[in-house]
N, C-alpha and C. Protein backbone atom coordinates (compact mmCIF):
# COMPACT_ATOMS: atom_id res chain seq x y z
N MET A 1 0.83 -1.18 0.00
CA MET A 1 0.00 0.00 0.00
C MET A 1 0.88 1.25 0.00
N ALA A 2 0.41 2.30 -0.58
CA ALA A 2 1.16 3.55 -0.64
C ALA A 2 1.21 4.18 0.75
N HIS A 3 2.31 4.87 1.03
CA HIS A 3 2.46 5.53 2.32
C HIS A 3 2.32 7.04 2.15
N ASP A 4 1.48 7.65 2.95
CA ASP A 4 1.28 9.09 2.92
C ASP A 4 1.96 9.67 4.15
N PRO A 5 3.09 10.39 3.99
CA PRO A 5 3.83 10.91 5.14
C PRO A 5 3.08 11.98 5.91
N ASN A 6 2.04 12.58 5.32
CA ASN A 6 1.26 13.62 6.00
C ASN A 6 0.07 13.07 6.78
N ALA A 7 -0.26 11.81 6.59
CA ALA A 7 -1.41 11.23 7.26
C ALA A 7 -1.07 10.88 8.71
N GLN A 8 -2.10 10.95 9.56
CA GLN A 8 -1.93 10.51 10.94
C GLN A 8 -1.66 9.02 10.92
N ARG A 9 -0.80 8.59 11.83
CA ARG A 9 -0.52 7.16 11.92
C ARG A 9 -1.63 6.48 12.72
N ASP A 10 -2.23 5.47 12.16
CA ASP A 10 -3.29 4.72 12.82
C ASP A 10 -2.91 3.25 12.78
N GLU A 11 -2.69 2.67 13.93
CA GLU A 11 -2.27 1.27 14.01
C GLU A 11 -3.44 0.31 13.91
N THR A 12 -4.67 0.80 13.96
CA THR A 12 -5.85 -0.03 13.88
C THR A 12 -5.97 -0.59 12.46
N GLN A 13 -6.35 -1.85 12.37
CA GLN A 13 -6.54 -2.46 11.06
C GLN A 13 -7.85 -1.98 10.44
N HIS A 14 -7.78 -1.58 9.20
CA HIS A 14 -8.94 -1.15 8.43
C HIS A 14 -9.09 -2.11 7.25
N THR A 15 -10.33 -2.31 6.82
CA THR A 15 -10.57 -3.22 5.70
C THR A 15 -11.43 -2.53 4.65
N LEU A 16 -11.05 -2.71 3.41
CA LEU A 16 -11.83 -2.27 2.27
C LEU A 16 -12.37 -3.55 1.61
N PHE A 17 -13.68 -3.63 1.49
CA PHE A 17 -14.34 -4.79 0.89
C PHE A 17 -14.77 -4.45 -0.52
N ILE A 18 -14.59 -5.39 -1.44
CA ILE A 18 -15.03 -5.22 -2.83
C ILE A 18 -15.97 -6.37 -3.16
N CYS A 19 -17.16 -6.04 -3.62
CA CYS A 19 -18.11 -7.08 -4.02
C CYS A 19 -17.62 -7.74 -5.31
N SER A 20 -17.63 -9.06 -5.32
CA SER A 20 -17.15 -9.78 -6.50
C SER A 20 -18.27 -10.54 -7.21
N LYS A 21 -19.53 -10.29 -6.81
CA LYS A 21 -20.62 -11.06 -7.40
C LYS A 21 -21.23 -10.42 -8.64
N CYS A 22 -21.73 -9.21 -8.52
CA CYS A 22 -22.53 -8.61 -9.61
C CYS A 22 -21.75 -8.43 -10.91
N ARG A 23 -20.54 -7.97 -10.82
CA ARG A 23 -19.73 -7.74 -12.03
C ARG A 23 -18.66 -8.80 -12.21
N GLY A 24 -18.53 -9.71 -11.25
CA GLY A 24 -17.62 -10.83 -11.39
C GLY A 24 -16.27 -10.61 -10.72
N ALA A 25 -15.58 -11.71 -10.53
CA ALA A 25 -14.29 -11.71 -9.84
C ALA A 25 -13.22 -10.94 -10.61
N SER A 26 -13.27 -10.96 -11.93
CA SER A 26 -12.23 -10.26 -12.70
C SER A 26 -12.36 -8.75 -12.54
N VAL A 27 -13.57 -8.22 -12.50
CA VAL A 27 -13.77 -6.79 -12.29
C VAL A 27 -13.34 -6.41 -10.87
N ALA A 28 -13.68 -7.26 -9.90
CA ALA A 28 -13.26 -7.02 -8.51
C ALA A 28 -11.73 -7.02 -8.42
N ALA A 29 -11.08 -7.91 -9.13
CA ALA A 29 -9.62 -7.98 -9.12
C ALA A 29 -9.00 -6.73 -9.75
N GLU A 30 -9.61 -6.24 -10.83
CA GLU A 30 -9.13 -5.01 -11.47
C GLU A 30 -9.29 -3.81 -10.54
N LEU A 31 -10.43 -3.75 -9.84
CA LEU A 31 -10.66 -2.66 -8.89
C LEU A 31 -9.67 -2.74 -7.74
N ARG A 32 -9.42 -3.93 -7.26
CA ARG A 32 -8.43 -4.13 -6.20
C ARG A 32 -7.06 -3.62 -6.64
N GLN A 33 -6.67 -3.97 -7.85
CA GLN A 33 -5.37 -3.56 -8.37
C GLN A 33 -5.29 -2.04 -8.49
N ALA A 34 -6.39 -1.40 -8.88
CA ALA A 34 -6.40 0.06 -9.00
C ALA A 34 -6.37 0.74 -7.64
N LEU A 35 -7.04 0.15 -6.64
CA LEU A 35 -7.14 0.77 -5.32
C LEU A 35 -5.91 0.53 -4.44
N GLU A 36 -5.30 -0.62 -4.57
CA GLU A 36 -4.21 -1.01 -3.67
C GLU A 36 -3.13 0.06 -3.48
N PRO A 37 -2.61 0.68 -4.53
CA PRO A 37 -1.55 1.67 -4.32
C PRO A 37 -2.05 3.00 -3.74
N THR A 38 -3.37 3.20 -3.69
CA THR A 38 -3.90 4.46 -3.19
C THR A 38 -4.25 4.43 -1.71
N LEU A 39 -4.25 3.26 -1.11
CA LEU A 39 -4.72 3.11 0.27
C LEU A 39 -3.60 3.31 1.29
N PRO A 40 -3.95 3.80 2.49
CA PRO A 40 -2.97 3.88 3.57
C PRO A 40 -2.49 2.48 3.95
N ASP A 41 -1.34 2.41 4.58
CA ASP A 41 -0.75 1.14 4.97
C ASP A 41 -1.62 0.32 5.92
N CYS A 42 -2.48 0.97 6.67
CA CYS A 42 -3.31 0.28 7.66
C CYS A 42 -4.49 -0.47 7.03
N PHE A 43 -4.64 -0.41 5.71
CA PHE A 43 -5.76 -1.06 5.03
C PHE A 43 -5.38 -2.39 4.43
N SER A 44 -6.31 -3.34 4.54
CA SER A 44 -6.24 -4.57 3.76
C SER A 44 -7.45 -4.55 2.83
N ILE A 45 -7.38 -5.35 1.78
CA ILE A 45 -8.50 -5.43 0.82
C ILE A 45 -9.00 -6.87 0.82
N ARG A 46 -10.32 -6.98 0.82
CA ARG A 46 -10.92 -8.31 0.84
C ARG A 46 -12.09 -8.35 -0.14
N ALA A 47 -12.08 -9.32 -1.03
CA ALA A 47 -13.22 -9.53 -1.93
C ALA A 47 -14.27 -10.33 -1.17
N VAL A 48 -15.53 -9.95 -1.33
CA VAL A 48 -16.63 -10.68 -0.70
C VAL A 48 -17.65 -11.03 -1.77
N SER A 49 -18.38 -12.13 -1.56
CA SER A 49 -19.26 -12.64 -2.61
C SER A 49 -20.52 -11.81 -2.81
N CYS A 50 -20.96 -11.05 -1.81
CA CYS A 50 -22.12 -10.19 -1.99
C CYS A 50 -22.21 -9.19 -0.86
N MET A 51 -22.53 -7.93 -1.20
CA MET A 51 -22.74 -6.89 -0.18
C MET A 51 -24.10 -6.24 -0.37
N ALA A 52 -25.00 -6.89 -1.10
CA ALA A 52 -26.38 -6.44 -1.30
C ALA A 52 -26.46 -5.06 -1.94
N GLY A 53 -25.49 -4.75 -2.78
CA GLY A 53 -25.53 -3.50 -3.54
C GLY A 53 -25.78 -3.78 -5.01
N CYS A 54 -26.53 -4.82 -5.28
CA CYS A 54 -26.71 -5.32 -6.65
C CYS A 54 -27.27 -4.29 -7.63
N ASP A 55 -28.06 -3.35 -7.14
CA ASP A 55 -28.59 -2.31 -8.02
C ASP A 55 -27.56 -1.23 -8.32
N HIS A 56 -26.41 -1.28 -7.62
CA HIS A 56 -25.37 -0.26 -7.77
C HIS A 56 -23.97 -0.88 -7.80
N PRO A 57 -23.72 -1.80 -8.73
CA PRO A 57 -22.37 -2.39 -8.74
C PRO A 57 -21.33 -1.39 -9.27
N VAL A 58 -20.19 -1.43 -8.90
CA VAL A 58 -19.54 -2.31 -7.95
C VAL A 58 -19.65 -1.69 -6.56
N ALA A 59 -20.00 -2.52 -5.57
CA ALA A 59 -20.10 -2.05 -4.20
C ALA A 59 -18.75 -2.18 -3.50
N VAL A 60 -18.43 -1.16 -2.70
CA VAL A 60 -17.18 -1.12 -1.94
C VAL A 60 -17.54 -0.72 -0.51
N GLY A 61 -17.04 -1.47 0.46
CA GLY A 61 -17.28 -1.15 1.86
C GLY A 61 -15.98 -0.79 2.57
N ILE A 62 -16.08 0.05 3.58
CA ILE A 62 -14.92 0.43 4.40
C ILE A 62 -15.32 0.26 5.85
N GLN A 63 -14.46 -0.46 6.60
CA GLN A 63 -14.80 -0.80 7.98
C GLN A 63 -13.54 -0.88 8.84
N SER A 64 -13.70 -0.52 10.10
CA SER A 64 -12.65 -0.68 11.10
C SER A 64 -13.32 -0.78 12.47
N GLN A 65 -12.66 -1.47 13.37
CA GLN A 65 -13.20 -1.60 14.71
C GLN A 65 -13.37 -0.23 15.35
N ALA A 66 -14.48 -0.03 16.02
CA ALA A 66 -14.80 1.21 16.75
C ALA A 66 -14.94 2.43 15.86
N LYS A 67 -15.22 2.21 14.57
CA LYS A 67 -15.47 3.31 13.64
C LYS A 67 -16.74 3.04 12.86
N ALA A 68 -17.31 4.09 12.31
CA ALA A 68 -18.47 3.94 11.42
C ALA A 68 -18.08 3.08 10.23
N THR A 69 -19.07 2.41 9.66
CA THR A 69 -18.87 1.57 8.48
C THR A 69 -19.57 2.23 7.30
N TYR A 70 -18.94 2.17 6.13
CA TYR A 70 -19.50 2.78 4.92
C TYR A 70 -19.66 1.74 3.82
N LEU A 71 -20.73 1.91 3.05
CA LEU A 71 -20.96 1.12 1.85
C LEU A 71 -21.21 2.09 0.70
N PHE A 72 -20.38 2.00 -0.32
CA PHE A 72 -20.51 2.83 -1.51
C PHE A 72 -20.90 1.93 -2.68
N GLY A 73 -21.64 2.47 -3.63
CA GLY A 73 -22.04 1.69 -4.79
C GLY A 73 -21.81 2.44 -6.08
N GLY A 74 -21.77 1.70 -7.17
CA GLY A 74 -21.56 2.29 -8.48
C GLY A 74 -20.15 2.82 -8.67
N ILE A 75 -19.18 2.18 -8.05
CA ILE A 75 -17.78 2.61 -8.15
C ILE A 75 -17.19 2.02 -9.41
N GLU A 76 -17.02 2.87 -10.43
CA GLU A 76 -16.57 2.38 -11.73
C GLU A 76 -15.54 3.28 -12.40
N THR A 77 -15.70 4.60 -12.30
CA THR A 77 -14.81 5.50 -13.04
C THR A 77 -13.50 5.73 -12.30
N ALA A 78 -12.52 6.24 -13.03
CA ALA A 78 -11.22 6.55 -12.42
C ALA A 78 -11.38 7.58 -11.29
N ALA A 79 -12.27 8.56 -11.50
CA ALA A 79 -12.51 9.59 -10.46
C ALA A 79 -13.12 8.97 -9.20
N GLU A 80 -14.04 8.03 -9.38
CA GLU A 80 -14.66 7.37 -8.23
C GLU A 80 -13.67 6.48 -7.50
N ILE A 81 -12.82 5.80 -8.24
CA ILE A 81 -11.79 4.95 -7.63
C ILE A 81 -10.80 5.82 -6.85
N ALA A 82 -10.38 6.93 -7.43
CA ALA A 82 -9.48 7.86 -6.73
C ALA A 82 -10.15 8.42 -5.48
N ALA A 83 -11.45 8.69 -5.56
CA ALA A 83 -12.19 9.22 -4.41
C ALA A 83 -12.26 8.19 -3.28
N ILE A 84 -12.39 6.92 -3.62
CA ILE A 84 -12.37 5.87 -2.58
C ILE A 84 -11.02 5.87 -1.89
N GLY A 85 -9.93 5.98 -2.65
CA GLY A 85 -8.60 6.06 -2.05
C GLY A 85 -8.45 7.27 -1.15
N ALA A 86 -8.94 8.42 -1.60
CA ALA A 86 -8.86 9.64 -0.79
C ALA A 86 -9.70 9.50 0.48
N PHE A 87 -10.90 8.91 0.34
CA PHE A 87 -11.74 8.71 1.51
C PHE A 87 -11.08 7.75 2.50
N ALA A 88 -10.39 6.74 2.01
CA ALA A 88 -9.70 5.80 2.90
C ALA A 88 -8.67 6.53 3.77
N HIS A 89 -7.96 7.49 3.20
CA HIS A 89 -7.01 8.29 3.99
C HIS A 89 -7.75 9.15 5.02
N GLN A 90 -8.85 9.74 4.62
CA GLN A 90 -9.67 10.54 5.52
C GLN A 90 -10.18 9.67 6.67
N TYR A 91 -10.67 8.50 6.35
CA TYR A 91 -11.22 7.55 7.31
C TYR A 91 -10.14 7.08 8.29
N ALA A 92 -8.98 6.74 7.77
CA ALA A 92 -7.88 6.26 8.62
C ALA A 92 -7.44 7.35 9.61
N GLY A 93 -7.52 8.61 9.20
CA GLY A 93 -7.10 9.71 10.06
C GLY A 93 -8.15 10.15 11.06
N SER A 94 -9.33 9.58 10.99
CA SER A 94 -10.44 9.95 11.87
C SER A 94 -10.53 9.00 13.06
N THR A 95 -10.87 9.53 14.22
CA THR A 95 -11.01 8.65 15.39
C THR A 95 -12.33 7.89 15.38
N THR A 96 -13.37 8.44 14.75
CA THR A 96 -14.68 7.78 14.73
C THR A 96 -15.06 7.23 13.36
N GLY A 97 -14.40 7.71 12.31
CA GLY A 97 -14.75 7.32 10.95
C GLY A 97 -15.97 8.04 10.41
N TRP A 98 -16.63 8.82 11.24
CA TRP A 98 -17.88 9.46 10.83
C TRP A 98 -17.60 10.72 10.02
N THR A 99 -18.26 10.84 8.87
CA THR A 99 -18.17 12.05 8.04
C THR A 99 -19.55 12.37 7.51
N SER A 100 -19.78 13.64 7.26
CA SER A 100 -21.01 14.02 6.58
C SER A 100 -20.75 13.92 5.08
N ALA A 101 -21.81 13.89 4.31
CA ALA A 101 -21.67 13.76 2.86
C ALA A 101 -20.80 14.87 2.28
N SER A 102 -20.91 16.08 2.82
CA SER A 102 -20.14 17.21 2.29
C SER A 102 -18.65 17.10 2.61
N GLU A 103 -18.28 16.27 3.55
CA GLU A 103 -16.86 16.08 3.90
C GLU A 103 -16.18 15.01 3.05
N ARG A 104 -16.96 14.16 2.42
CA ARG A 104 -16.39 13.09 1.60
C ARG A 104 -15.98 13.65 0.24
N PRO A 105 -15.04 13.00 -0.43
CA PRO A 105 -14.65 13.46 -1.78
C PRO A 105 -15.88 13.58 -2.68
N ALA A 106 -15.92 14.62 -3.49
CA ALA A 106 -17.08 14.94 -4.32
C ALA A 106 -17.60 13.78 -5.18
N PRO A 107 -16.73 12.98 -5.80
CA PRO A 107 -17.27 11.89 -6.63
C PRO A 107 -18.07 10.84 -5.83
N LEU A 108 -17.98 10.88 -4.50
CA LEU A 108 -18.73 9.93 -3.68
C LEU A 108 -20.05 10.50 -3.17
N THR A 109 -20.35 11.74 -3.51
CA THR A 109 -21.54 12.42 -3.00
C THR A 109 -22.81 11.59 -3.18
N ASN A 110 -23.01 11.05 -4.35
CA ASN A 110 -24.21 10.25 -4.63
C ASN A 110 -23.93 8.76 -4.66
N LYS A 111 -22.82 8.35 -4.10
CA LYS A 111 -22.41 6.94 -4.14
C LYS A 111 -22.55 6.24 -2.80
N THR A 112 -22.89 6.98 -1.75
CA THR A 112 -23.00 6.38 -0.42
C THR A 112 -24.33 5.64 -0.30
N LEU A 113 -24.25 4.32 -0.16
CA LEU A 113 -25.45 3.51 -0.01
C LEU A 113 -25.84 3.39 1.46
N ALA A 114 -24.83 3.37 2.34
CA ALA A 114 -25.10 3.26 3.78
C ALA A 114 -23.90 3.72 4.57
N HIS A 115 -24.18 4.28 5.74
CA HIS A 115 -23.15 4.50 6.75
C HIS A 115 -23.78 4.13 8.08
N LEU A 116 -23.07 3.29 8.80
CA LEU A 116 -23.57 2.74 10.06
C LEU A 116 -22.65 3.16 11.18
N PRO A 117 -23.20 3.51 12.34
CA PRO A 117 -22.34 3.88 13.46
C PRO A 117 -21.54 2.68 13.93
N ALA A 118 -20.46 2.96 14.62
CA ALA A 118 -19.61 1.90 15.16
C ALA A 118 -20.39 1.05 16.14
N MET A 119 -20.15 -0.24 16.09
CA MET A 119 -20.81 -1.15 17.02
C MET A 119 -20.11 -1.14 18.37
N ILE A 120 -18.80 -1.04 18.34
CA ILE A 120 -17.99 -1.02 19.55
C ILE A 120 -17.35 0.34 19.64
N HIS A 121 -17.48 1.00 20.75
CA HIS A 121 -16.90 2.33 20.93
C HIS A 121 -15.68 2.23 21.83
N ALA A 122 -14.56 2.72 21.34
CA ALA A 122 -13.35 2.77 22.15
C ALA A 122 -13.50 3.88 23.18
N ALA A 123 -12.73 3.80 24.26
CA ALA A 123 -12.80 4.80 25.32
C ALA A 123 -12.55 6.18 24.75
N GLY A 124 -13.40 7.13 25.12
CA GLY A 124 -13.23 8.50 24.70
C GLY A 124 -13.80 8.85 23.35
N LYS A 125 -14.31 7.88 22.61
CA LYS A 125 -14.88 8.17 21.30
C LYS A 125 -16.34 8.51 21.46
N GLN A 126 -16.80 9.45 20.66
CA GLN A 126 -18.18 9.89 20.73
C GLN A 126 -19.04 9.15 19.71
N ASP A 127 -20.34 9.11 20.00
CA ASP A 127 -21.28 8.54 19.03
C ASP A 127 -21.35 9.44 17.82
N ALA A 128 -21.83 8.88 16.73
CA ALA A 128 -22.01 9.65 15.50
C ALA A 128 -23.07 10.71 15.74
N PRO A 129 -22.99 11.83 15.04
CA PRO A 129 -24.01 12.88 15.20
C PRO A 129 -25.38 12.37 14.78
N ALA A 130 -26.41 12.91 15.40
CA ALA A 130 -27.78 12.49 15.08
C ALA A 130 -28.23 13.04 13.75
């Protein structure tokens, strides 16, 4: 994974999920290859067989312990792929993972299918805004 010297160091493991069902494993593999060099070192990538984003392929999820979880759909263009990489850096640098739509990279504005609050809250972390 690419290293960003300006990013906050986060030792927590983060995962980026790519749906491999709707568009197939080869498309998921191509997306993985495009995203891998853009992600912070704390991220791993995992292909999953379905993320229920079938109406909006390709679905991409971002998750980490004690942080909000995101599901994006319709990730296909170079700008959208770059925006996922940029969001991953933003997410890794956040203590809660929570962002409003206006804080996410512009190409993701209409791509957010879901954002869920963290299930487990680390000490000192606040709940997501109402």
